[in-house]
Amino acid sequence: MVLNVTLKDAVTICFQKFVTFSGRAGRQEFWKFVLFLLLVHIVLLVINSLIFGPSIDEGLKFSIASDGTQTTTAYRNVSYTGGWLGNAFSLITLLPFTAVTWRRLHDRNRSGWWTLVPYGLLMAMGAIWFLTSEAVAVGANPQTGDPITVLVPQSIAPILILGLLALAAGLSVLISTCRAPIPGANRFGPNPNEVPS
């Protein structure tokens, strides 16, 4: 017999197992917790937008044509975010989300360490970008004459390779969270969805 997990049950379990990385988590527990996180983020986005309004980013964008002429255009980006409320909620739920993902991979008889692989690859990509980049002047500010520089890595190949590996690892984790559990007990414990008869 398969155990049915409600949204309330999933949230309760995930917060009770705040930093529990052992055992298994079923599909319902994982995806209903993800649904809870998504719904709370939507609510926080609405609350933040009603109280503080949208986030507005304004500035000047410089571009250089192939003939060397510079053009300056003003831009204004308006975006709606969860603001500091959403950031605080994300920080609070980072550990329980990581823990339930870890346990969900255990349910597929995979090591939970796979959860961290995409993040490690992205951090390595950022480190290579930062350590191997040099500032290259791409133009000058027409009002002040100050040079406009961007950080350009010496080689894009390792960054591209690490980015593709991070994407593949992330998709692998996502696919594992969608797949059916391994029936019966595995090396990580009993199946959380099966009620003993």
N, C-alpha and C. Protein backbone atom coordinates (compact mmCIF):
# COMPACT_ATOMS: atom_id res chain seq x y z
N MET A 1 0.84 -1.18 0.00
CA MET A 1 0.00 0.00 0.00
C MET A 1 0.89 1.25 0.00
N VAL A 2 0.56 2.24 -0.85
CA VAL A 2 1.36 3.45 -0.97
C VAL A 2 0.79 4.52 -0.04
N LEU A 3 1.68 5.18 0.69
CA LEU A 3 1.31 6.23 1.62
C LEU A 3 1.08 7.53 0.88
N ASN A 4 -0.03 8.24 1.18
CA ASN A 4 -0.32 9.52 0.56
C ASN A 4 0.18 10.64 1.48
N VAL A 5 0.97 11.57 0.94
CA VAL A 5 1.53 12.68 1.70
C VAL A 5 0.82 13.96 1.27
N THR A 6 0.22 14.67 2.24
CA THR A 6 -0.44 15.95 1.94
C THR A 6 0.60 17.06 1.93
N LEU A 7 0.19 18.23 1.45
CA LEU A 7 1.07 19.39 1.44
C LEU A 7 1.52 19.73 2.86
N LYS A 8 0.58 19.71 3.80
CA LYS A 8 0.91 20.01 5.20
C LYS A 8 1.89 18.98 5.75
N ASP A 9 1.66 17.69 5.43
CA ASP A 9 2.58 16.64 5.89
C ASP A 9 3.99 16.86 5.34
N ALA A 10 4.08 17.19 4.05
CA ALA A 10 5.39 17.38 3.41
C ALA A 10 6.15 18.54 4.07
N VAL A 11 5.44 19.66 4.32
CA VAL A 11 6.08 20.82 4.94
C VAL A 11 6.51 20.47 6.36
N THR A 12 5.65 19.79 7.10
CA THR A 12 5.97 19.39 8.47
C THR A 12 7.19 18.47 8.51
N ILE A 13 7.20 17.46 7.64
CA ILE A 13 8.31 16.51 7.60
C ILE A 13 9.62 17.23 7.26
N CYS A 14 9.57 18.10 6.25
CA CYS A 14 10.80 18.77 5.81
C CYS A 14 11.35 19.73 6.86
N PHE A 15 10.46 20.38 7.63
CA PHE A 15 10.97 21.25 8.68
C PHE A 15 11.38 20.47 9.93
N GLN A 16 10.74 19.31 10.17
CA GLN A 16 11.18 18.46 11.28
C GLN A 16 12.55 17.85 10.97
N LYS A 17 12.77 17.54 9.69
CA LYS A 17 14.06 16.97 9.25
C LYS A 17 14.90 18.08 8.63
N PHE A 18 14.97 19.22 9.32
CA PHE A 18 15.62 20.44 8.83
C PHE A 18 17.01 20.17 8.27
N VAL A 19 17.81 19.40 8.99
CA VAL A 19 19.17 19.09 8.55
C VAL A 19 19.43 17.59 8.58
N THR A 20 18.39 16.80 8.29
CA THR A 20 18.54 15.34 8.26
C THR A 20 18.87 14.92 6.83
N PHE A 21 20.09 14.41 6.67
CA PHE A 21 20.54 14.00 5.34
C PHE A 21 20.57 12.48 5.19
N SER A 22 20.09 11.77 6.21
CA SER A 22 20.03 10.31 6.13
C SER A 22 18.59 9.88 5.87
N GLY A 23 18.44 8.68 5.36
CA GLY A 23 17.11 8.17 5.06
C GLY A 23 16.67 8.53 3.65
N ARG A 24 15.37 8.39 3.42
CA ARG A 24 14.82 8.57 2.08
C ARG A 24 13.62 9.51 2.13
N ALA A 25 13.37 10.20 1.03
CA ALA A 25 12.19 11.06 0.87
C ALA A 25 11.50 10.67 -0.42
N GLY A 26 10.21 10.45 -0.34
CA GLY A 26 9.44 10.07 -1.52
C GLY A 26 9.17 11.25 -2.44
N ARG A 27 8.67 10.93 -3.63
CA ARG A 27 8.36 11.97 -4.62
C ARG A 27 7.35 12.97 -4.10
N GLN A 28 6.29 12.46 -3.43
CA GLN A 28 5.25 13.37 -2.94
C GLN A 28 5.82 14.35 -1.91
N GLU A 29 6.62 13.82 -0.99
CA GLU A 29 7.23 14.69 0.03
C GLU A 29 8.08 15.77 -0.62
N PHE A 30 8.91 15.39 -1.59
CA PHE A 30 9.81 16.34 -2.24
C PHE A 30 9.03 17.38 -3.04
N TRP A 31 8.16 16.93 -3.95
CA TRP A 31 7.50 17.87 -4.85
C TRP A 31 6.45 18.72 -4.16
N LYS A 32 5.83 18.21 -3.12
CA LYS A 32 4.88 19.05 -2.38
C LYS A 32 5.61 20.10 -1.55
N PHE A 33 6.83 19.79 -1.09
CA PHE A 33 7.63 20.81 -0.42
C PHE A 33 8.08 21.87 -1.43
N VAL A 34 8.45 21.46 -2.64
CA VAL A 34 8.80 22.41 -3.70
C VAL A 34 7.60 23.30 -4.02
N LEU A 35 6.40 22.72 -4.08
CA LEU A 35 5.18 23.50 -4.32
C LEU A 35 4.98 24.53 -3.21
N PHE A 36 5.18 24.13 -1.96
CA PHE A 36 5.07 25.05 -0.83
C PHE A 36 6.05 26.21 -0.98
N LEU A 37 7.31 25.91 -1.33
CA LEU A 37 8.31 26.97 -1.50
C LEU A 37 7.90 27.93 -2.61
N LEU A 38 7.40 27.39 -3.71
CA LEU A 38 6.96 28.22 -4.83
C LEU A 38 5.79 29.13 -4.44
N LEU A 39 4.80 28.56 -3.74
CA LEU A 39 3.63 29.35 -3.33
C LEU A 39 4.03 30.47 -2.36
N VAL A 40 4.91 30.17 -1.41
CA VAL A 40 5.35 31.20 -0.46
C VAL A 40 6.12 32.29 -1.19
N HIS A 41 6.96 31.92 -2.16
CA HIS A 41 7.70 32.93 -2.92
C HIS A 41 6.75 33.83 -3.71
N ILE A 42 5.69 33.27 -4.26
CA ILE A 42 4.71 34.08 -5.00
C ILE A 42 4.02 35.06 -4.05
N VAL A 43 3.63 34.59 -2.87
CA VAL A 43 2.99 35.46 -1.87
C VAL A 43 3.95 36.57 -1.44
N LEU A 44 5.21 36.22 -1.20
CA LEU A 44 6.19 37.24 -0.79
C LEU A 44 6.46 38.24 -1.92
N LEU A 45 6.43 37.78 -3.16
CA LEU A 45 6.59 38.69 -4.30
C LEU A 45 5.46 39.70 -4.34
N VAL A 46 4.22 39.23 -4.12
CA VAL A 46 3.06 40.13 -4.13
C VAL A 46 3.15 41.11 -2.97
N ILE A 47 3.47 40.61 -1.76
CA ILE A 47 3.57 41.48 -0.59
C ILE A 47 4.66 42.53 -0.79
N ASN A 48 5.83 42.11 -1.24
CA ASN A 48 6.94 43.04 -1.46
C ASN A 48 6.58 44.09 -2.51
N SER A 49 5.90 43.66 -3.58
CA SER A 49 5.53 44.59 -4.65
C SER A 49 4.48 45.60 -4.17
N LEU A 50 3.54 45.15 -3.33
CA LEU A 50 2.52 46.06 -2.81
C LEU A 50 3.11 47.07 -1.83
N ILE A 51 4.06 46.62 -1.01
CA ILE A 51 4.63 47.52 0.00
C ILE A 51 5.71 48.41 -0.58
N PHE A 52 6.66 47.82 -1.31
CA PHE A 52 7.83 48.57 -1.77
C PHE A 52 7.81 48.93 -3.25
N GLY A 53 6.89 48.36 -4.01
CA GLY A 53 6.85 48.61 -5.44
C GLY A 53 7.88 47.78 -6.18
N PRO A 54 7.96 47.97 -7.49
CA PRO A 54 8.93 47.18 -8.26
C PRO A 54 10.36 47.68 -8.06
N SER A 55 11.30 46.83 -8.40
CA SER A 55 12.72 47.19 -8.39
C SER A 55 13.02 47.83 -9.74
N ILE A 56 13.58 49.05 -9.71
CA ILE A 56 13.85 49.77 -10.95
C ILE A 56 15.35 49.97 -11.09
N ASP A 57 15.87 49.55 -12.24
CA ASP A 57 17.30 49.70 -12.54
C ASP A 57 17.40 50.61 -13.75
N GLU A 58 18.05 51.76 -13.56
CA GLU A 58 18.19 52.73 -14.64
C GLU A 58 19.67 53.03 -14.88
N GLY A 59 20.00 53.34 -16.10
CA GLY A 59 21.39 53.69 -16.39
C GLY A 59 21.59 53.94 -17.87
N LEU A 60 22.86 53.98 -18.24
CA LEU A 60 23.23 54.18 -19.63
C LEU A 60 23.92 52.94 -20.17
N LYS A 61 23.61 52.61 -21.41
CA LYS A 61 24.23 51.46 -22.06
C LYS A 61 25.07 52.00 -23.22
N PHE A 62 26.34 51.57 -23.23
CA PHE A 62 27.26 52.01 -24.28
C PHE A 62 27.50 50.86 -25.24
N SER A 63 27.56 51.18 -26.52
CA SER A 63 27.89 50.16 -27.51
C SER A 63 28.80 50.78 -28.57
N ILE A 64 29.60 49.91 -29.15
CA ILE A 64 30.54 50.35 -30.19
C ILE A 64 30.23 49.56 -31.45
N ALA A 65 29.99 50.27 -32.54
CA ALA A 65 29.71 49.64 -33.82
C ALA A 65 31.01 49.17 -34.45
N SER A 66 30.90 48.36 -35.50
CA SER A 66 32.10 47.82 -36.16
C SER A 66 32.95 48.93 -36.78
N ASP A 67 32.35 50.08 -37.10
CA ASP A 67 33.13 51.19 -37.67
C ASP A 67 33.77 52.07 -36.59
N GLY A 68 33.56 51.72 -35.31
CA GLY A 68 34.21 52.44 -34.21
C GLY A 68 33.36 53.53 -33.58
N THR A 69 32.16 53.78 -34.12
CA THR A 69 31.31 54.81 -33.52
C THR A 69 30.66 54.29 -32.25
N GLN A 70 30.60 55.18 -31.26
CA GLN A 70 29.99 54.82 -29.98
C GLN A 70 28.58 55.39 -29.90
N THR A 71 27.70 54.60 -29.34
CA THR A 71 26.34 55.09 -29.11
C THR A 71 26.00 54.88 -27.64
N THR A 72 25.23 55.81 -27.13
CA THR A 72 24.80 55.75 -25.73
C THR A 72 23.28 55.76 -25.71
N THR A 73 22.70 54.80 -25.02
CA THR A 73 21.25 54.76 -24.89
C THR A 73 20.89 54.57 -23.43
N ALA A 74 19.83 55.23 -23.03
CA ALA A 74 19.34 55.08 -21.66
C ALA A 74 18.48 53.82 -21.58
N TYR A 75 18.55 53.15 -20.44
CA TYR A 75 17.71 51.98 -20.25
C TYR A 75 17.04 52.05 -18.88
N ARG A 76 15.93 51.36 -18.79
CA ARG A 76 15.19 51.29 -17.53
C ARG A 76 14.55 49.91 -17.44
N ASN A 77 15.01 49.12 -16.47
CA ASN A 77 14.45 47.78 -16.25
C ASN A 77 13.59 47.80 -15.00
N VAL A 78 12.37 47.33 -15.13
CA VAL A 78 11.46 47.22 -13.99
C VAL A 78 11.23 45.75 -13.73
N SER A 79 11.49 45.32 -12.49
CA SER A 79 11.29 43.91 -12.15
C SER A 79 10.62 43.80 -10.79
N TYR A 80 9.88 42.74 -10.65
CA TYR A 80 9.20 42.46 -9.38
C TYR A 80 9.90 41.28 -8.73
N THR A 81 10.33 41.45 -7.49
CA THR A 81 11.04 40.40 -6.77
C THR A 81 10.43 40.24 -5.37
N GLY A 82 10.84 39.19 -4.70
CA GLY A 82 10.41 38.98 -3.32
C GLY A 82 11.13 39.89 -2.35
N GLY A 83 12.14 40.63 -2.84
CA GLY A 83 12.87 41.57 -1.99
C GLY A 83 13.55 40.87 -0.82
N TRP A 84 13.76 41.61 0.23
CA TRP A 84 14.47 41.05 1.39
C TRP A 84 13.64 39.96 2.05
N LEU A 85 12.30 40.03 1.94
CA LEU A 85 11.45 38.96 2.50
C LEU A 85 11.71 37.64 1.78
N GLY A 86 11.75 37.69 0.46
CA GLY A 86 12.02 36.49 -0.33
C GLY A 86 13.42 35.97 -0.10
N ASN A 87 14.39 36.89 0.02
CA ASN A 87 15.78 36.47 0.27
C ASN A 87 15.90 35.80 1.64
N ALA A 88 15.24 36.36 2.64
CA ALA A 88 15.28 35.77 3.99
C ALA A 88 14.63 34.39 3.98
N PHE A 89 13.49 34.26 3.29
CA PHE A 89 12.81 32.97 3.22
C PHE A 89 13.68 31.94 2.49
N SER A 90 14.34 32.35 1.41
CA SER A 90 15.23 31.44 0.68
C SER A 90 16.38 30.97 1.56
N LEU A 91 16.92 31.88 2.35
CA LEU A 91 18.02 31.53 3.25
C LEU A 91 17.56 30.56 4.33
N ILE A 92 16.37 30.81 4.88
CA ILE A 92 15.83 29.94 5.93
C ILE A 92 15.55 28.54 5.40
N THR A 93 15.06 28.44 4.17
CA THR A 93 14.65 27.14 3.62
C THR A 93 15.75 26.46 2.80
N LEU A 94 16.93 27.05 2.72
CA LEU A 94 18.02 26.45 1.95
C LEU A 94 18.41 25.08 2.50
N LEU A 95 18.61 24.98 3.81
CA LEU A 95 19.01 23.69 4.39
C LEU A 95 17.92 22.63 4.29
N PRO A 96 16.65 22.94 4.64
CA PRO A 96 15.65 21.87 4.49
C PRO A 96 15.44 21.44 3.03
N PHE A 97 15.57 22.38 2.08
CA PHE A 97 15.43 22.02 0.68
C PHE A 97 16.59 21.12 0.24
N THR A 98 17.81 21.49 0.65
CA THR A 98 18.97 20.67 0.31
C THR A 98 18.84 19.28 0.94
N ALA A 99 18.37 19.23 2.19
CA ALA A 99 18.23 17.95 2.89
C ALA A 99 17.18 17.06 2.22
N VAL A 100 16.03 17.63 1.82
CA VAL A 100 14.99 16.80 1.19
C VAL A 100 15.43 16.35 -0.20
N THR A 101 16.20 17.18 -0.90
CA THR A 101 16.74 16.77 -2.21
C THR A 101 17.73 15.63 -2.01
N TRP A 102 18.56 15.74 -0.99
CA TRP A 102 19.54 14.71 -0.64
C TRP A 102 18.82 13.39 -0.37
N ARG A 103 17.77 13.45 0.46
CA ARG A 103 17.02 12.23 0.80
C ARG A 103 16.24 11.70 -0.41
N ARG A 104 15.80 12.60 -1.29
CA ARG A 104 15.09 12.17 -2.51
C ARG A 104 16.03 11.37 -3.41
N LEU A 105 17.29 11.80 -3.51
CA LEU A 105 18.26 11.04 -4.30
C LEU A 105 18.52 9.68 -3.65
N HIS A 106 18.51 9.64 -2.32
CA HIS A 106 18.64 8.35 -1.62
C HIS A 106 17.50 7.41 -2.00
N ASP A 107 16.31 7.98 -2.21
CA ASP A 107 15.15 7.17 -2.58
C ASP A 107 15.37 6.50 -3.94
N ARG A 108 16.21 7.12 -4.77
CA ARG A 108 16.55 6.55 -6.08
C ARG A 108 17.82 5.71 -6.00
N ASN A 109 18.33 5.49 -4.77
CA ASN A 109 19.55 4.71 -4.50
C ASN A 109 20.79 5.40 -5.08
N ARG A 110 20.76 6.74 -5.07
CA ARG A 110 21.90 7.55 -5.51
C ARG A 110 22.46 8.31 -4.32
N SER A 111 23.73 8.62 -4.36
CA SER A 111 24.36 9.39 -3.29
C SER A 111 23.80 10.81 -3.27
N GLY A 112 23.56 11.32 -2.08
CA GLY A 112 23.07 12.68 -1.93
C GLY A 112 24.08 13.73 -2.34
N TRP A 113 25.36 13.34 -2.40
CA TRP A 113 26.40 14.29 -2.80
C TRP A 113 26.17 14.85 -4.19
N TRP A 114 25.40 14.15 -5.02
CA TRP A 114 25.08 14.65 -6.36
C TRP A 114 24.35 15.99 -6.29
N THR A 115 23.67 16.26 -5.17
CA THR A 115 22.97 17.53 -5.00
C THR A 115 23.93 18.71 -5.09
N LEU A 116 25.15 18.52 -4.60
CA LEU A 116 26.12 19.62 -4.53
C LEU A 116 26.98 19.77 -5.78
N VAL A 117 26.98 18.77 -6.66
CA VAL A 117 27.85 18.80 -7.84
C VAL A 117 27.58 20.02 -8.74
N PRO A 118 26.31 20.34 -9.09
CA PRO A 118 26.10 21.52 -9.95
C PRO A 118 26.63 22.81 -9.32
N TYR A 119 26.43 22.97 -7.99
CA TYR A 119 26.90 24.18 -7.32
C TYR A 119 28.42 24.25 -7.32
N GLY A 120 29.08 23.11 -7.09
CA GLY A 120 30.54 23.07 -7.11
C GLY A 120 31.09 23.44 -8.48
N LEU A 121 30.45 22.94 -9.53
CA LEU A 121 30.90 23.26 -10.89
C LEU A 121 30.70 24.74 -11.20
N LEU A 122 29.57 25.30 -10.76
CA LEU A 122 29.33 26.73 -10.99
C LEU A 122 30.33 27.59 -10.22
N MET A 123 30.67 27.17 -9.00
CA MET A 123 31.66 27.91 -8.23
C MET A 123 33.03 27.84 -8.90
N ALA A 124 33.38 26.67 -9.43
CA ALA A 124 34.66 26.53 -10.15
C ALA A 124 34.66 27.40 -11.40
N MET A 125 33.53 27.47 -12.09
CA MET A 125 33.41 28.30 -13.28
C MET A 125 33.62 29.77 -12.92
N GLY A 126 32.98 30.22 -11.84
CA GLY A 126 33.15 31.60 -11.39
C GLY A 126 34.58 31.90 -10.97
N ALA A 127 35.21 30.94 -10.29
CA ALA A 127 36.60 31.14 -9.85
C ALA A 127 37.53 31.26 -11.05
N ILE A 128 37.35 30.41 -12.05
CA ILE A 128 38.19 30.49 -13.25
C ILE A 128 37.97 31.82 -13.97
N TRP A 129 36.71 32.23 -14.06
CA TRP A 129 36.41 33.52 -14.71
C TRP A 129 37.12 34.64 -13.96
N PHE A 130 37.01 34.64 -12.64
CA PHE A 130 37.60 35.70 -11.83
C PHE A 130 39.12 35.68 -11.88
N LEU A 131 39.72 34.50 -11.78
CA LEU A 131 41.18 34.39 -11.69
C LEU A 131 41.90 34.57 -13.03
N THR A 132 41.22 34.26 -14.13
CA THR A 132 41.90 34.33 -15.43
C THR A 132 41.48 35.54 -16.26
N SER A 133 40.62 36.39 -15.71
CA SER A 133 40.14 37.53 -16.50
C SER A 133 41.04 38.73 -16.35
N GLU A 134 41.01 39.54 -17.40
CA GLU A 134 41.73 40.81 -17.36
C GLU A 134 40.79 41.90 -17.87
N ALA A 135 40.98 43.10 -17.37
CA ALA A 135 40.12 44.23 -17.76
C ALA A 135 40.51 44.69 -19.16
N VAL A 136 39.51 44.79 -20.02
CA VAL A 136 39.72 45.24 -21.38
C VAL A 136 38.85 46.47 -21.62
N ALA A 137 39.46 47.54 -22.11
CA ALA A 137 38.72 48.77 -22.39
C ALA A 137 37.87 48.57 -23.65
N VAL A 138 36.60 48.88 -23.54
CA VAL A 138 35.70 48.72 -24.69
C VAL A 138 35.18 50.06 -25.20
N GLY A 139 35.61 51.13 -24.58
CA GLY A 139 35.15 52.44 -25.01
C GLY A 139 35.40 53.46 -23.91
N ALA A 140 34.79 54.63 -24.09
CA ALA A 140 34.94 55.69 -23.11
C ALA A 140 33.58 56.31 -22.85
N ASN A 141 33.38 56.72 -21.62
CA ASN A 141 32.14 57.40 -21.25
C ASN A 141 32.14 58.76 -21.94
N PRO A 142 31.14 59.05 -22.80
CA PRO A 142 31.15 60.30 -23.56
C PRO A 142 31.05 61.54 -22.68
N GLN A 143 30.50 61.40 -21.48
CA GLN A 143 30.34 62.58 -20.62
C GLN A 143 31.58 62.86 -19.79
N THR A 144 32.24 61.82 -19.29
CA THR A 144 33.41 62.02 -18.42
C THR A 144 34.73 61.68 -19.08
N GLY A 145 34.71 60.89 -20.14
CA GLY A 145 35.94 60.46 -20.79
C GLY A 145 36.59 59.28 -20.11
N ASP A 146 36.02 58.81 -19.01
CA ASP A 146 36.56 57.65 -18.31
C ASP A 146 36.42 56.40 -19.18
N PRO A 147 37.43 55.52 -19.12
CA PRO A 147 37.33 54.30 -19.93
C PRO A 147 36.26 53.35 -19.38
N ILE A 148 35.62 52.64 -20.27
CA ILE A 148 34.65 51.61 -19.89
C ILE A 148 35.35 50.27 -20.10
N THR A 149 35.46 49.49 -19.03
CA THR A 149 36.16 48.21 -19.12
C THR A 149 35.22 47.07 -18.75
N VAL A 150 35.52 45.91 -19.28
CA VAL A 150 34.81 44.68 -18.92
C VAL A 150 35.86 43.62 -18.62
N LEU A 151 35.50 42.67 -17.75
CA LEU A 151 36.40 41.56 -17.45
C LEU A 151 36.22 40.48 -18.51
N VAL A 152 37.29 40.15 -19.19
CA VAL A 152 37.25 39.14 -20.25
C VAL A 152 38.23 38.02 -19.88
N PRO A 153 37.74 36.78 -19.81
CA PRO A 153 38.67 35.68 -19.50
C PRO A 153 39.61 35.43 -20.66
N GLN A 154 40.79 34.89 -20.33
CA GLN A 154 41.78 34.62 -21.36
C GLN A 154 41.31 33.50 -22.29
N SER A 155 40.57 32.55 -21.75
CA SER A 155 40.02 31.46 -22.57
C SER A 155 38.61 31.16 -22.09
N ILE A 156 37.70 31.08 -23.02
CA ILE A 156 36.30 30.81 -22.67
C ILE A 156 36.02 29.31 -22.58
N ALA A 157 36.92 28.47 -23.15
CA ALA A 157 36.68 27.03 -23.22
C ALA A 157 36.45 26.37 -21.85
N PRO A 158 37.33 26.59 -20.84
CA PRO A 158 37.08 25.92 -19.56
C PRO A 158 35.79 26.39 -18.89
N ILE A 159 35.45 27.66 -19.07
CA ILE A 159 34.22 28.19 -18.49
C ILE A 159 33.01 27.56 -19.16
N LEU A 160 33.06 27.45 -20.47
CA LEU A 160 31.97 26.84 -21.22
C LEU A 160 31.81 25.36 -20.86
N ILE A 161 32.91 24.65 -20.75
CA ILE A 161 32.87 23.22 -20.40
C ILE A 161 32.28 23.03 -19.00
N LEU A 162 32.76 23.83 -18.02
CA LEU A 162 32.23 23.72 -16.66
C LEU A 162 30.74 24.09 -16.61
N GLY A 163 30.34 25.08 -17.39
CA GLY A 163 28.93 25.47 -17.45
C GLY A 163 28.06 24.35 -18.00
N LEU A 164 28.52 23.70 -19.05
CA LEU A 164 27.77 22.58 -19.63
C LEU A 164 27.71 21.39 -18.67
N LEU A 165 28.82 21.13 -17.98
CA LEU A 165 28.83 20.05 -16.98
C LEU A 165 27.87 20.35 -15.82
N ALA A 166 27.83 21.62 -15.38
CA ALA A 166 26.90 22.02 -14.32
C ALA A 166 25.46 21.84 -14.77
N LEU A 167 25.17 22.21 -16.01
CA LEU A 167 23.82 22.04 -16.56
C LEU A 167 23.45 20.56 -16.61
N ALA A 168 24.38 19.72 -17.09
CA ALA A 168 24.12 18.27 -17.17
C ALA A 168 23.91 17.67 -15.78
N ALA A 169 24.73 18.08 -14.80
CA ALA A 169 24.59 17.56 -13.43
C ALA A 169 23.26 18.02 -12.83
N GLY A 170 22.88 19.27 -13.07
CA GLY A 170 21.61 19.78 -12.56
C GLY A 170 20.42 19.04 -13.17
N LEU A 171 20.48 18.77 -14.48
CA LEU A 171 19.41 18.01 -15.14
C LEU A 171 19.36 16.58 -14.61
N SER A 172 20.51 16.00 -14.32
CA SER A 172 20.56 14.64 -13.77
C SER A 172 19.86 14.59 -12.41
N VAL A 173 20.12 15.58 -11.57
CA VAL A 173 19.46 15.64 -10.26
C VAL A 173 17.96 15.84 -10.43
N LEU A 174 17.57 16.75 -11.33
CA LEU A 174 16.15 17.01 -11.57
C LEU A 174 15.43 15.76 -12.06
N ILE A 175 16.03 15.05 -13.00
CA ILE A 175 15.42 13.83 -13.52
C ILE A 175 15.29 12.79 -12.41
N SER A 176 16.30 12.68 -11.55
CA SER A 176 16.24 11.72 -10.45
C SER A 176 15.11 12.04 -9.48
N THR A 177 14.85 13.34 -9.25
CA THR A 177 13.77 13.70 -8.34
C THR A 177 12.40 13.40 -8.93
N CYS A 178 12.32 13.27 -10.25
CA CYS A 178 11.05 12.99 -10.92
C CYS A 178 10.75 11.50 -11.06
N ARG A 179 11.77 10.69 -10.99
CA ARG A 179 11.60 9.26 -11.25
C ARG A 179 11.00 8.53 -10.05
N ALA A 180 10.41 7.38 -10.34
CA ALA A 180 9.79 6.56 -9.29
C ALA A 180 10.84 6.04 -8.32
N PRO A 181 10.46 5.82 -7.06
CA PRO A 181 11.43 5.32 -6.08
C PRO A 181 11.80 3.86 -6.36
N ILE A 182 12.93 3.46 -5.80
CA ILE A 182 13.32 2.05 -5.85
C ILE A 182 12.41 1.31 -4.87
N PRO A 183 11.67 0.31 -5.32
CA PRO A 183 10.75 -0.39 -4.41
C PRO A 183 11.50 -1.12 -3.30
N GLY A 184 10.86 -1.19 -2.14
CA GLY A 184 11.45 -1.89 -1.01
C GLY A 184 12.60 -1.11 -0.41
N ALA A 185 13.33 -1.73 0.47
CA ALA A 185 14.47 -1.08 1.14
C ALA A 185 15.66 -1.04 0.21
N ASN A 186 16.50 -0.01 0.38
CA ASN A 186 17.77 0.05 -0.32
C ASN A 186 18.85 0.39 0.70
N ARG A 187 20.05 0.71 0.26
CA ARG A 187 21.15 0.93 1.20
C ARG A 187 20.94 2.15 2.09
N PHE A 188 19.97 2.99 1.77
CA PHE A 188 19.70 4.18 2.58
C PHE A 188 18.52 4.02 3.53
N GLY A 189 17.85 2.87 3.48
CA GLY A 189 16.77 2.62 4.42
C GLY A 189 15.51 2.12 3.73
N PRO A 190 14.43 1.99 4.50
CA PRO A 190 13.16 1.51 3.94
C PRO A 190 12.51 2.56 3.06
N ASN A 191 11.64 2.10 2.19
CA ASN A 191 10.90 3.00 1.30
C ASN A 191 9.90 3.80 2.13
N PRO A 192 9.98 5.16 2.13
CA PRO A 192 9.07 5.94 2.96
C PRO A 192 7.64 5.94 2.47
N ASN A 193 7.41 5.49 1.24
CA ASN A 193 6.06 5.50 0.67
C ASN A 193 5.30 4.20 0.89
N GLU A 194 6.00 3.19 1.35
CA GLU A 194 5.34 1.88 1.53
C GLU A 194 4.98 1.70 3.00
N VAL A 195 3.71 1.46 3.23
CA VAL A 195 3.23 1.19 4.59
C VAL A 195 3.38 -0.30 4.83
N PRO A 196 4.11 -0.68 5.90
CA PRO A 196 4.26 -2.12 6.16
C PRO A 196 2.89 -2.77 6.38
N SER A 197 2.70 -3.96 5.78
CA SER A 197 1.40 -4.62 5.93
C SER A 197 1.38 -5.59 7.07
